[in-house]
Amino acid sequence: METTLKTFEFWFDFGSPASYLAWTQIAGIEAATGARAVYRPMLLGGVFQATGNHSPATIPAKGRYIFGDFDRFARRYGVPLNRNPHFPINTLLLMRGAVGLQSGDADRFMAYCNAMFSAIWVESLNMNDPATVGAALQKAGFDAQALLALANEPAVKDALKAATQEAVARGVFGAPTFFVGNQMLWGQDRIDFVKEALQ
Protein backbone atom coordinates (compact mmCIF):
# COMPACT_ATOMS: atom_id res chain seq x y z
CA MET A 1 0.00 0.00 0.00
CA GLU A 2 1.36 3.40 -0.96
CA THR A 3 1.74 5.85 1.91
CA THR A 4 1.46 9.58 1.36
CA LEU A 5 4.37 11.59 2.72
CA LYS A 6 3.25 14.03 5.39
CA THR A 7 3.94 17.68 4.71
CA PHE A 8 3.78 20.94 6.62
CA GLU A 9 3.80 24.46 5.25
CA PHE A 10 6.32 27.06 6.35
CA TRP A 11 5.32 30.64 5.52
CA PHE A 12 8.20 33.07 5.94
CA ASP A 13 9.85 36.38 5.11
CA PHE A 14 13.63 36.95 5.24
CA GLY A 15 13.17 40.18 7.22
CA SER A 16 11.71 38.32 10.20
CA PRO A 17 14.23 37.15 12.83
CA ALA A 18 11.66 34.61 14.02
CA SER A 19 11.46 33.23 10.47
CA TYR A 20 15.25 32.89 10.45
CA LEU A 21 15.25 30.99 13.75
CA ALA A 22 12.48 28.67 12.51
CA TRP A 23 14.34 28.18 9.20
CA THR A 24 17.33 26.79 11.11
CA GLN A 25 15.07 24.14 12.67
CA ILE A 26 13.20 22.90 9.59
CA ALA A 27 15.60 20.00 8.93
CA GLY A 28 15.16 18.92 12.56
CA ILE A 29 11.36 18.95 12.24
CA GLU A 30 11.62 16.84 9.08
CA ALA A 31 14.02 14.37 10.76
CA ALA A 32 11.87 14.06 13.88
CA THR A 33 8.57 13.56 12.06
CA GLY A 34 9.39 12.09 8.65
CA ALA A 35 7.40 14.99 7.16
CA ARG A 36 8.56 17.32 4.40
CA ALA A 37 8.46 21.11 4.53
CA VAL A 38 6.60 23.00 1.83
CA TYR A 39 8.26 26.43 1.65
CA ARG A 40 5.88 29.37 1.21
CA PRO A 41 7.58 32.75 0.72
CA MET A 42 5.30 35.72 1.39
CA LEU A 43 5.67 39.46 1.88
CA LEU A 44 5.31 40.15 5.60
CA GLY A 45 4.83 43.87 4.98
CA GLY A 46 1.83 43.02 2.80
CA VAL A 47 0.44 40.73 5.51
CA PHE A 48 0.84 43.47 8.13
CA GLN A 49 -0.88 45.98 5.84
CA ALA A 50 -3.82 43.65 5.18
CA THR A 51 -4.29 42.58 8.81
CA GLY A 52 -3.45 45.79 10.68
CA ASN A 53 -0.62 43.98 12.46
CA HIS A 54 2.88 45.42 12.81
CA SER A 55 6.35 44.42 13.97
CA PRO A 56 6.83 44.00 17.75
CA ALA A 57 9.93 46.17 17.29
CA THR A 58 7.64 49.19 16.80
CA ILE A 59 6.82 49.00 20.53
CA PRO A 60 10.15 49.74 22.29
CA ALA A 61 9.54 47.67 25.45
CA LYS A 62 8.20 44.71 23.48
CA GLY A 63 11.00 45.01 20.91
CA ARG A 64 13.67 44.87 23.63
CA TYR A 65 12.01 41.84 25.21
CA ILE A 66 11.43 39.91 22.00
CA PHE A 67 14.98 40.34 20.72
CA GLY A 68 16.24 39.10 24.09
CA ASP A 69 13.93 36.13 23.71
CA PHE A 70 15.26 35.45 20.20
CA ASP A 71 18.79 35.48 21.66
CA ARG A 72 17.72 32.80 24.17
CA PHE A 73 16.28 30.62 21.40
CA ALA A 74 19.40 31.09 19.24
CA ARG A 75 21.53 29.83 22.14
CA ARG A 76 19.15 26.90 22.69
CA TYR A 77 19.27 26.01 18.98
CA GLY A 78 23.04 26.53 18.79
CA VAL A 79 22.75 28.94 15.85
CA PRO A 80 24.20 32.40 15.27
CA LEU A 81 21.84 35.39 15.48
CA ASN A 82 22.99 38.99 15.30
CA ARG A 83 20.79 42.03 15.52
CA ASN A 84 20.72 43.94 12.28
CA PRO A 85 21.24 47.71 12.77
CA HIS A 86 19.49 48.29 9.42
CA PHE A 87 16.25 46.60 10.58
CA PRO A 88 13.55 46.75 9.31
CA ILE A 89 14.63 45.48 5.88
CA ASN A 90 12.41 46.08 2.85
CA THR A 91 12.28 42.52 1.57
CA LEU A 92 10.06 43.01 -1.49
CA LEU A 93 12.84 42.31 -4.01
CA LEU A 94 14.34 39.52 -1.89
CA MET A 95 11.01 37.70 -1.54
CA ARG A 96 10.32 38.07 -5.25
CA GLY A 97 13.69 36.43 -5.85
CA ALA A 98 12.63 33.51 -3.63
CA VAL A 99 9.35 33.07 -5.49
CA GLY A 100 11.12 33.30 -8.84
CA LEU A 101 13.71 30.67 -7.94
CA GLN A 102 11.24 28.31 -6.27
CA SER A 103 9.70 27.14 -9.53
CA GLY A 104 13.12 26.07 -10.82
CA ASP A 105 15.96 24.22 -9.09
CA ALA A 106 15.13 23.30 -5.46
CA ASP A 107 18.81 23.31 -4.46
CA ARG A 108 19.28 26.83 -5.81
CA PHE A 109 16.15 27.97 -3.98
CA MET A 110 17.48 26.58 -0.68
CA ALA A 111 20.93 28.09 -1.28
CA TYR A 112 19.31 31.46 -1.99
CA CYS A 113 17.18 31.32 1.17
CA ASN A 114 20.24 30.38 3.25
CA ALA A 115 22.19 33.27 1.74
CA MET A 116 19.43 35.83 2.36
CA PHE A 117 18.73 34.75 5.95
CA SER A 118 22.46 34.69 6.68
CA ALA A 119 23.07 38.12 5.12
CA ILE A 120 20.40 39.71 7.32
CA TRP A 121 20.59 37.77 10.61
CA VAL A 122 24.17 36.50 10.77
CA GLU A 123 26.21 39.07 8.81
CA SER A 124 23.93 42.03 9.70
CA LEU A 125 24.20 43.42 6.16
CA ASN A 126 22.18 46.39 4.95
CA MET A 127 19.97 44.52 2.53
CA ASN A 128 18.03 47.73 1.87
CA ASP A 129 21.03 48.72 -0.29
CA PRO A 130 20.96 47.26 -3.84
CA ALA A 131 24.78 47.13 -4.06
CA THR A 132 24.96 45.15 -0.80
CA VAL A 133 22.28 42.76 -2.08
CA GLY A 134 24.24 42.30 -5.31
CA ALA A 135 27.46 41.57 -3.41
CA ALA A 136 25.70 39.05 -1.12
CA LEU A 137 24.23 37.28 -4.16
CA GLN A 138 27.60 37.14 -5.96
CA LYS A 139 29.24 35.76 -2.79
CA ALA A 140 26.58 33.01 -2.68
CA GLY A 141 27.29 32.10 -6.31
CA PHE A 142 24.31 33.82 -7.94
CA ASP A 143 24.29 36.09 -10.96
CA ALA A 144 22.93 39.26 -9.35
CA GLN A 145 21.78 40.84 -12.63
CA ALA A 146 19.96 37.68 -13.75
CA LEU A 147 18.25 37.35 -10.38
CA LEU A 148 17.22 41.00 -10.41
CA ALA A 149 15.72 40.49 -13.86
CA LEU A 150 13.87 37.40 -12.60
CA ALA A 151 12.53 39.28 -9.57
CA ASN A 152 11.15 41.99 -11.85
CA GLU A 153 9.26 39.63 -14.16
CA PRO A 154 5.50 40.41 -14.02
CA ALA A 155 4.64 36.73 -13.40
CA VAL A 156 6.98 36.62 -10.40
CA LYS A 157 5.58 39.86 -8.97
CA ASP A 158 2.06 38.47 -9.40
CA ALA A 159 3.02 35.15 -7.78
CA LEU A 160 4.34 36.85 -4.62
CA LYS A 161 1.25 39.05 -4.45
CA ALA A 162 -1.01 35.98 -4.84
CA ALA A 163 0.91 34.03 -2.19
CA THR A 164 0.63 36.92 0.26
CA GLN A 165 -3.10 37.24 -0.42
CA GLU A 166 -3.51 33.48 0.10
CA ALA A 167 -1.68 33.73 3.43
CA VAL A 168 -3.99 36.50 4.64
CA ALA A 169 -7.09 34.62 3.41
CA ARG A 170 -6.00 31.61 5.46
CA GLY A 171 -5.60 33.65 8.64
CA VAL A 172 -1.86 34.41 8.59
CA PHE A 173 -0.99 37.63 10.45
CA GLY A 174 2.75 37.19 11.11
CA ALA A 175 5.86 35.19 10.35
CA PRO A 176 6.75 32.44 10.57
CA THR A 177 3.44 30.63 10.25
CA PHE A 178 3.17 26.85 9.96
CA PHE A 179 0.24 24.84 8.67
CA VAL A 180 -0.20 21.15 9.40
CA GLY A 181 -3.25 20.41 7.30
CA ASN A 182 -5.70 23.13 8.32
CA GLN A 183 -4.10 23.68 11.72
CA MET A 184 -2.27 27.01 11.86
CA LEU A 185 0.63 27.52 14.26
CA TRP A 186 2.26 30.95 14.48
CA GLY A 187 5.76 31.67 15.71
CA GLN A 188 9.11 29.94 15.83
CA ASP A 189 8.37 29.07 19.47
CA ARG A 190 5.55 26.75 18.32
CA ILE A 191 7.86 24.17 16.74
CA ASP A 192 7.08 21.56 19.42
CA PHE A 193 3.38 21.87 18.53
CA VAL A 194 4.23 21.50 14.84
CA LYS A 195 6.06 18.25 15.60
CA GLU A 196 3.20 17.08 17.82
CA ALA A 197 0.65 17.75 15.06
CA LEU A 198 2.77 15.75 12.59
CA GLN A 199 3.36 12.74 14.86
C-alpha atoms as a PDB file:
ATOM      1  CA  MET A   1       0.000   0.000   0.000  1.00  0.00           C
ATOM      2  CA  GLU A   2       1.360   3.399  -0.963  1.00  0.00           C
ATOM      3  CA  THR A   3       1.740   5.851   1.910  1.00  0.00           C
ATOM      4  CA  THR A   4       1.461   9.580   1.356  1.00  0.00           C
ATOM      5  CA  LEU A   5       4.366  11.591   2.719  1.00  0.00           C
ATOM      6  CA  LYS A   6       3.250  14.030   5.389  1.00  0.00           C
ATOM      7  CA  THR A   7       3.944  17.678   4.712  1.00  0.00           C
ATOM      8  CA  PHE A   8       3.782  20.937   6.620  1.00  0.00           C
ATOM      9  CA  GLU A   9       3.796  24.464   5.246  1.00  0.00           C
ATOM     10  CA  PHE A  10       6.323  27.062   6.350  1.00  0.00           C
ATOM     11  CA  TRP A  11       5.321  30.639   5.517  1.00  0.00           C
ATOM     12  CA  PHE A  12       8.195  33.074   5.936  1.00  0.00           C
ATOM     13  CA  ASP A  13       9.850  36.384   5.111  1.00  0.00           C
ATOM     14  CA  PHE A  14      13.627  36.950   5.244  1.00  0.00           C
ATOM     15  CA  GLY A  15      13.173  40.185   7.215  1.00  0.00           C
ATOM     16  CA  SER A  16      11.707  38.325  10.196  1.00  0.00           C
ATOM     17  CA  PRO A  17      14.233  37.150  12.830  1.00  0.00           C
ATOM     18  CA  ALA A  18      11.659  34.608  14.023  1.00  0.00           C
ATOM     19  CA  SER A  19      11.456  33.228  10.469  1.00  0.00           C
ATOM     20  CA  TYR A  20      15.247  32.894  10.451  1.00  0.00           C
ATOM     21  CA  LEU A  21      15.252  30.985  13.749  1.00  0.00           C
ATOM     22  CA  ALA A  22      12.484  28.675  12.506  1.00  0.00           C
ATOM     23  CA  TRP A  23      14.341  28.177   9.197  1.00  0.00           C
ATOM     24  CA  THR A  24      17.335  26.792  11.109  1.00  0.00           C
ATOM     25  CA  GLN A  25      15.069  24.143  12.674  1.00  0.00           C
ATOM     26  CA  ILE A  26      13.204  22.896   9.586  1.00  0.00           C
ATOM     27  CA  ALA A  27      15.602  19.998   8.934  1.00  0.00           C
ATOM     28  CA  GLY A  28      15.155  18.919  12.559  1.00  0.00           C
ATOM     29  CA  ILE A  29      11.365  18.949  12.239  1.00  0.00           C
ATOM     30  CA  GLU A  30      11.621  16.837   9.084  1.00  0.00           C
ATOM     31  CA  ALA A  31      14.020  14.372  10.757  1.00  0.00           C
ATOM     32  CA  ALA A  32      11.868  14.057  13.882  1.00  0.00           C
ATOM     33  CA  THR A  33       8.567  13.562  12.064  1.00  0.00           C
ATOM     34  CA  GLY A  34       9.390  12.095   8.651  1.00  0.00           C
ATOM     35  CA  ALA A  35       7.404  14.985   7.163  1.00  0.00           C
ATOM     36  CA  ARG A  36       8.564  17.316   4.398  1.00  0.00           C
ATOM     37  CA  ALA A  37       8.463  21.106   4.532  1.00  0.00           C
ATOM     38  CA  VAL A  38       6.601  23.003   1.832  1.00  0.00           C
ATOM     39  CA  TYR A  39       8.257  26.429   1.646  1.00  0.00           C
ATOM     40  CA  ARG A  40       5.878  29.373   1.209  1.00  0.00           C
ATOM     41  CA  PRO A  41       7.584  32.753   0.716  1.00  0.00           C
ATOM     42  CA  MET A  42       5.299  35.715   1.389  1.00  0.00           C
ATOM     43  CA  LEU A  43       5.673  39.461   1.881  1.00  0.00           C
ATOM     44  CA  LEU A  44       5.305  40.147   5.602  1.00  0.00           C
ATOM     45  CA  GLY A  45       4.828  43.869   4.978  1.00  0.00           C
ATOM     46  CA  GLY A  46       1.825  43.024   2.797  1.00  0.00           C
ATOM     47  CA  VAL A  47       0.435  40.730   5.506  1.00  0.00           C
ATOM     48  CA  PHE A  48       0.836  43.473   8.125  1.00  0.00           C
ATOM     49  CA  GLN A  49      -0.881  45.976   5.844  1.00  0.00           C
ATOM     50  CA  ALA A  50      -3.816  43.654   5.177  1.00  0.00           C
ATOM     51  CA  THR A  51      -4.291  42.583   8.807  1.00  0.00           C
ATOM     52  CA  GLY A  52      -3.452  45.786  10.683  1.00  0.00           C
ATOM     53  CA  ASN A  53      -0.621  43.978  12.462  1.00  0.00           C
ATOM     54  CA  HIS A  54       2.882  45.425  12.807  1.00  0.00           C
ATOM     55  CA  SER A  55       6.348  44.423  13.966  1.00  0.00           C
ATOM     56  CA  PRO A  56       6.826  44.001  17.748  1.00  0.00           C
ATOM     57  CA  ALA A  57       9.925  46.167  17.294  1.00  0.00           C
ATOM     58  CA  THR A  58       7.645  49.194  16.795  1.00  0.00           C
ATOM     59  CA  ILE A  59       6.820  49.002  20.532  1.00  0.00           C
ATOM     60  CA  PRO A  60      10.152  49.735  22.289  1.00  0.00           C
ATOM     61  CA  ALA A  61       9.540  47.672  25.447  1.00  0.00           C
ATOM     62  CA  LYS A  62       8.198  44.709  23.476  1.00  0.00           C
ATOM     63  CA  GLY A  63      10.999  45.014  20.912  1.00  0.00           C
ATOM     64  CA  ARG A  64      13.668  44.875  23.629  1.00  0.00           C
ATOM     65  CA  TYR A  65      12.013  41.839  25.207  1.00  0.00           C
ATOM     66  CA  ILE A  66      11.431  39.906  22.003  1.00  0.00           C
ATOM     67  CA  PHE A  67      14.980  40.340  20.715  1.00  0.00           C
ATOM     68  CA  GLY A  68      16.238  39.102  24.093  1.00  0.00           C
ATOM     69  CA  ASP A  69      13.927  36.127  23.707  1.00  0.00           C
ATOM     70  CA  PHE A  70      15.261  35.452  20.196  1.00  0.00           C
ATOM     71  CA  ASP A  71      18.792  35.480  21.660  1.00  0.00           C
ATOM     72  CA  ARG A  72      17.722  32.801  24.169  1.00  0.00           C
ATOM     73  CA  PHE A  73      16.281  30.625  21.397  1.00  0.00           C
ATOM     74  CA  ALA A  74      19.395  31.086  19.242  1.00  0.00           C
ATOM     75  CA  ARG A  75      21.529  29.829  22.144  1.00  0.00           C
ATOM     76  CA  ARG A  76      19.154  26.898  22.692  1.00  0.00           C
ATOM     77  CA  TYR A  77      19.273  26.008  18.984  1.00  0.00           C
ATOM     78  CA  GLY A  78      23.040  26.533  18.793  1.00  0.00           C
ATOM     79  CA  VAL A  79      22.749  28.936  15.848  1.00  0.00           C
ATOM     80  CA  PRO A  80      24.198  32.400  15.271  1.00  0.00           C
ATOM     81  CA  LEU A  81      21.843  35.386  15.483  1.00  0.00           C
ATOM     82  CA  ASN A  82      22.986  38.986  15.296  1.00  0.00           C
ATOM     83  CA  ARG A  83      20.789  42.031  15.517  1.00  0.00           C
ATOM     84  CA  ASN A  84      20.720  43.944  12.277  1.00  0.00           C
ATOM     85  CA  PRO A  85      21.237  47.708  12.767  1.00  0.00           C
ATOM     86  CA  HIS A  86      19.487  48.293   9.423  1.00  0.00           C
ATOM     87  CA  PHE A  87      16.254  46.597  10.583  1.00  0.00           C
ATOM     88  CA  PRO A  88      13.555  46.747   9.307  1.00  0.00           C
ATOM     89  CA  ILE A  89      14.633  45.484   5.882  1.00  0.00           C
ATOM     90  CA  ASN A  90      12.413  46.080   2.855  1.00  0.00           C
ATOM     91  CA  THR A  91      12.284  42.515   1.572  1.00  0.00           C
ATOM     92  CA  LEU A  92      10.064  43.012  -1.494  1.00  0.00           C
ATOM     93  CA  LEU A  93      12.839  42.313  -4.015  1.00  0.00           C
ATOM     94  CA  LEU A  94      14.343  39.517  -1.886  1.00  0.00           C
ATOM     95  CA  MET A  95      11.005  37.703  -1.538  1.00  0.00           C
ATOM     96  CA  ARG A  96      10.321  38.071  -5.255  1.00  0.00           C
ATOM     97  CA  GLY A  97      13.690  36.425  -5.845  1.00  0.00           C
ATOM     98  CA  ALA A  98      12.633  33.508  -3.629  1.00  0.00           C
ATOM     99  CA  VAL A  99       9.346  33.065  -5.494  1.00  0.00           C
ATOM    100  CA  GLY A 100      11.118  33.301  -8.844  1.00  0.00           C
ATOM    101  CA  LEU A 101      13.710  30.669  -7.945  1.00  0.00           C
ATOM    102  CA  GLN A 102      11.238  28.313  -6.273  1.00  0.00           C
ATOM    103  CA  SER A 103       9.697  27.143  -9.533  1.00  0.00           C
ATOM    104  CA  GLY A 104      13.125  26.073 -10.819  1.00  0.00           C
ATOM    105  CA  ASP A 105      15.962  24.219  -9.088  1.00  0.00           C
ATOM    106  CA  ALA A 106      15.132  23.297  -5.464  1.00  0.00           C
ATOM    107  CA  ASP A 107      18.813  23.306  -4.461  1.00  0.00           C
ATOM    108  CA  ARG A 108      19.276  26.826  -5.806  1.00  0.00           C
ATOM    109  CA  PHE A 109      16.146  27.970  -3.983  1.00  0.00           C
ATOM    110  CA  MET A 110      17.476  26.583  -0.681  1.00  0.00           C
ATOM    111  CA  ALA A 111      20.935  28.093  -1.277  1.00  0.00           C
ATOM    112  CA  TYR A 112      19.314  31.461  -1.995  1.00  0.00           C
ATOM    113  CA  CYS A 113      17.185  31.315   1.171  1.00  0.00           C
ATOM    114  CA  ASN A 114      20.236  30.384   3.252  1.00  0.00           C
ATOM    115  CA  ALA A 115      22.195  33.272   1.739  1.00  0.00           C
ATOM    116  CA  MET A 116      19.431  35.832   2.361  1.00  0.00           C
ATOM    117  CA  PHE A 117      18.727  34.747   5.954  1.00  0.00           C
ATOM    118  CA  SER A 118      22.463  34.695   6.675  1.00  0.00           C
ATOM    119  CA  ALA A 119      23.069  38.121   5.117  1.00  0.00           C
ATOM    120  CA  ILE A 120      20.401  39.713   7.318  1.00  0.00           C
ATOM    121  CA  TRP A 121      20.587  37.775  10.608  1.00  0.00           C
ATOM    122  CA  VAL A 122      24.175  36.502  10.770  1.00  0.00           C
ATOM    123  CA  GLU A 123      26.209  39.069   8.806  1.00  0.00           C
ATOM    124  CA  SER A 124      23.925  42.032   9.698  1.00  0.00           C
ATOM    125  CA  LEU A 125      24.200  43.423   6.161  1.00  0.00           C
ATOM    126  CA  ASN A 126      22.179  46.392   4.954  1.00  0.00           C
ATOM    127  CA  MET A 127      19.967  44.523   2.528  1.00  0.00           C
ATOM    128  CA  ASN A 128      18.030  47.729   1.873  1.00  0.00           C
ATOM    129  CA  ASP A 129      21.026  48.722  -0.287  1.00  0.00           C
ATOM    130  CA  PRO A 130      20.958  47.263  -3.836  1.00  0.00           C
ATOM    131  CA  ALA A 131      24.778  47.132  -4.058  1.00  0.00           C
ATOM    132  CA  THR A 132      24.957  45.153  -0.800  1.00  0.00           C
ATOM    133  CA  VAL A 133      22.275  42.765  -2.078  1.00  0.00           C
ATOM    134  CA  GLY A 134      24.244  42.298  -5.308  1.00  0.00           C
ATOM    135  CA  ALA A 135      27.463  41.567  -3.407  1.00  0.00           C
ATOM    136  CA  ALA A 136      25.697  39.054  -1.123  1.00  0.00           C
ATOM    137  CA  LEU A 137      24.235  37.275  -4.157  1.00  0.00           C
ATOM    138  CA  GLN A 138      27.601  37.139  -5.956  1.00  0.00           C
ATOM    139  CA  LYS A 139      29.236  35.760  -2.794  1.00  0.00           C
ATOM    140  CA  ALA A 140      26.583  33.007  -2.684  1.00  0.00           C
ATOM    141  CA  GLY A 141      27.288  32.098  -6.314  1.00  0.00           C
ATOM    142  CA  PHE A 142      24.311  33.824  -7.936  1.00  0.00           C
ATOM    143  CA  ASP A 143      24.293  36.094 -10.964  1.00  0.00           C
ATOM    144  CA  ALA A 144      22.931  39.259  -9.346  1.00  0.00           C
ATOM    145  CA  GLN A 145      21.776  40.836 -12.628  1.00  0.00           C
ATOM    146  CA  ALA A 146      19.960  37.676 -13.751  1.00  0.00           C
ATOM    147  CA  LEU A 147      18.250  37.349 -10.379  1.00  0.00           C
ATOM    148  CA  LEU A 148      17.222  40.997 -10.409  1.00  0.00           C
ATOM    149  CA  ALA A 149      15.716  40.485 -13.861  1.00  0.00           C
ATOM    150  CA  LEU A 150      13.867  37.396 -12.601  1.00  0.00           C
ATOM    151  CA  ALA A 151      12.528  39.283  -9.566  1.00  0.00           C
ATOM    152  CA  ASN A 152      11.148  41.985 -11.847  1.00  0.00           C
ATOM    153  CA  GLU A 153       9.261  39.630 -14.158  1.00  0.00           C
ATOM    154  CA  PRO A 154       5.503  40.407 -14.017  1.00  0.00           C
ATOM    155  CA  ALA A 155       4.641  36.729 -13.404  1.00  0.00           C
ATOM    156  CA  VAL A 156       6.984  36.616 -10.404  1.00  0.00           C
ATOM    157  CA  LYS A 157       5.576  39.858  -8.969  1.00  0.00           C
ATOM    158  CA  ASP A 158       2.056  38.469  -9.400  1.00  0.00           C
ATOM    159  CA  ALA A 159       3.024  35.146  -7.779  1.00  0.00           C
ATOM    160  CA  LEU A 160       4.342  36.851  -4.619  1.00  0.00           C
ATOM    161  CA  LYS A 161       1.249  39.046  -4.451  1.00  0.00           C
ATOM    162  CA  ALA A 162      -1.011  35.984  -4.845  1.00  0.00           C
ATOM    163  CA  ALA A 163       0.913  34.030  -2.188  1.00  0.00           C
ATOM    164  CA  THR A 164       0.630  36.920   0.263  1.00  0.00           C
ATOM    165  CA  GLN A 165      -3.102  37.245  -0.421  1.00  0.00           C
ATOM    166  CA  GLU A 166      -3.505  33.483   0.102  1.00  0.00           C
ATOM    167  CA  ALA A 167      -1.676  33.727   3.428  1.00  0.00           C
ATOM    168  CA  VAL A 168      -3.994  36.498   4.635  1.00  0.00           C
ATOM    169  CA  ALA A 169      -7.086  34.622   3.413  1.00  0.00           C
ATOM    170  CA  ARG A 170      -5.997  31.610   5.458  1.00  0.00           C
ATOM    171  CA  GLY A 171      -5.595  33.645   8.637  1.00  0.00           C
ATOM    172  CA  VAL A 172      -1.863  34.411   8.592  1.00  0.00           C
ATOM    173  CA  PHE A 173      -0.989  37.626  10.453  1.00  0.00           C
ATOM    174  CA  GLY A 174       2.751  37.194  11.112  1.00  0.00           C
ATOM    175  CA  ALA A 175       5.865  35.189  10.348  1.00  0.00           C
ATOM    176  CA  PRO A 176       6.745  32.441  10.566  1.00  0.00           C
ATOM    177  CA  THR A 177       3.445  30.627  10.251  1.00  0.00           C
ATOM    178  CA  PHE A 178       3.170  26.854   9.961  1.00  0.00           C
ATOM    179  CA  PHE A 179       0.239  24.841   8.671  1.00  0.00           C
ATOM    180  CA  VAL A 180      -0.202  21.152   9.398  1.00  0.00           C
ATOM    181  CA  GLY A 181      -3.253  20.408   7.301  1.00  0.00           C
ATOM    182  CA  ASN A 182      -5.701  23.132   8.317  1.00  0.00           C
ATOM    183  CA  GLN A 183      -4.099  23.680  11.716  1.00  0.00           C
ATOM    184  CA  MET A 184      -2.272  27.008  11.861  1.00  0.00           C
ATOM    185  CA  LEU A 185       0.627  27.522  14.260  1.00  0.00           C
ATOM    186  CA  TRP A 186       2.263  30.948  14.477  1.00  0.00           C
ATOM    187  CA  GLY A 187       5.763  31.669  15.709  1.00  0.00           C
ATOM    188  CA  GLN A 188       9.111  29.940  15.831  1.00  0.00           C
ATOM    189  CA  ASP A 189       8.373  29.066  19.468  1.00  0.00           C
ATOM    190  CA  ARG A 190       5.554  26.745  18.322  1.00  0.00           C
ATOM    191  CA  ILE A 191       7.864  24.166  16.741  1.00  0.00           C
ATOM    192  CA  ASP A 192       7.085  21.563  19.424  1.00  0.00           C
ATOM    193  CA  PHE A 193       3.384  21.867  18.533  1.00  0.00           C
ATOM    194  CA  VAL A 194       4.227  21.503  14.837  1.00  0.00           C
ATOM    195  CA  LYS A 195       6.064  18.247  15.602  1.00  0.00           C
ATOM    196  CA  GLU A 196       3.205  17.085  17.816  1.00  0.00           C
ATOM    197  CA  ALA A 197       0.655  17.748  15.056  1.00  0.00           C
ATOM    198  CA  LEU A 198       2.771  15.754  12.592  1.00  0.00           C
ATOM    199  CA  GLN A 199       3.360  12.740  14.865  1.00  0.00           C
END
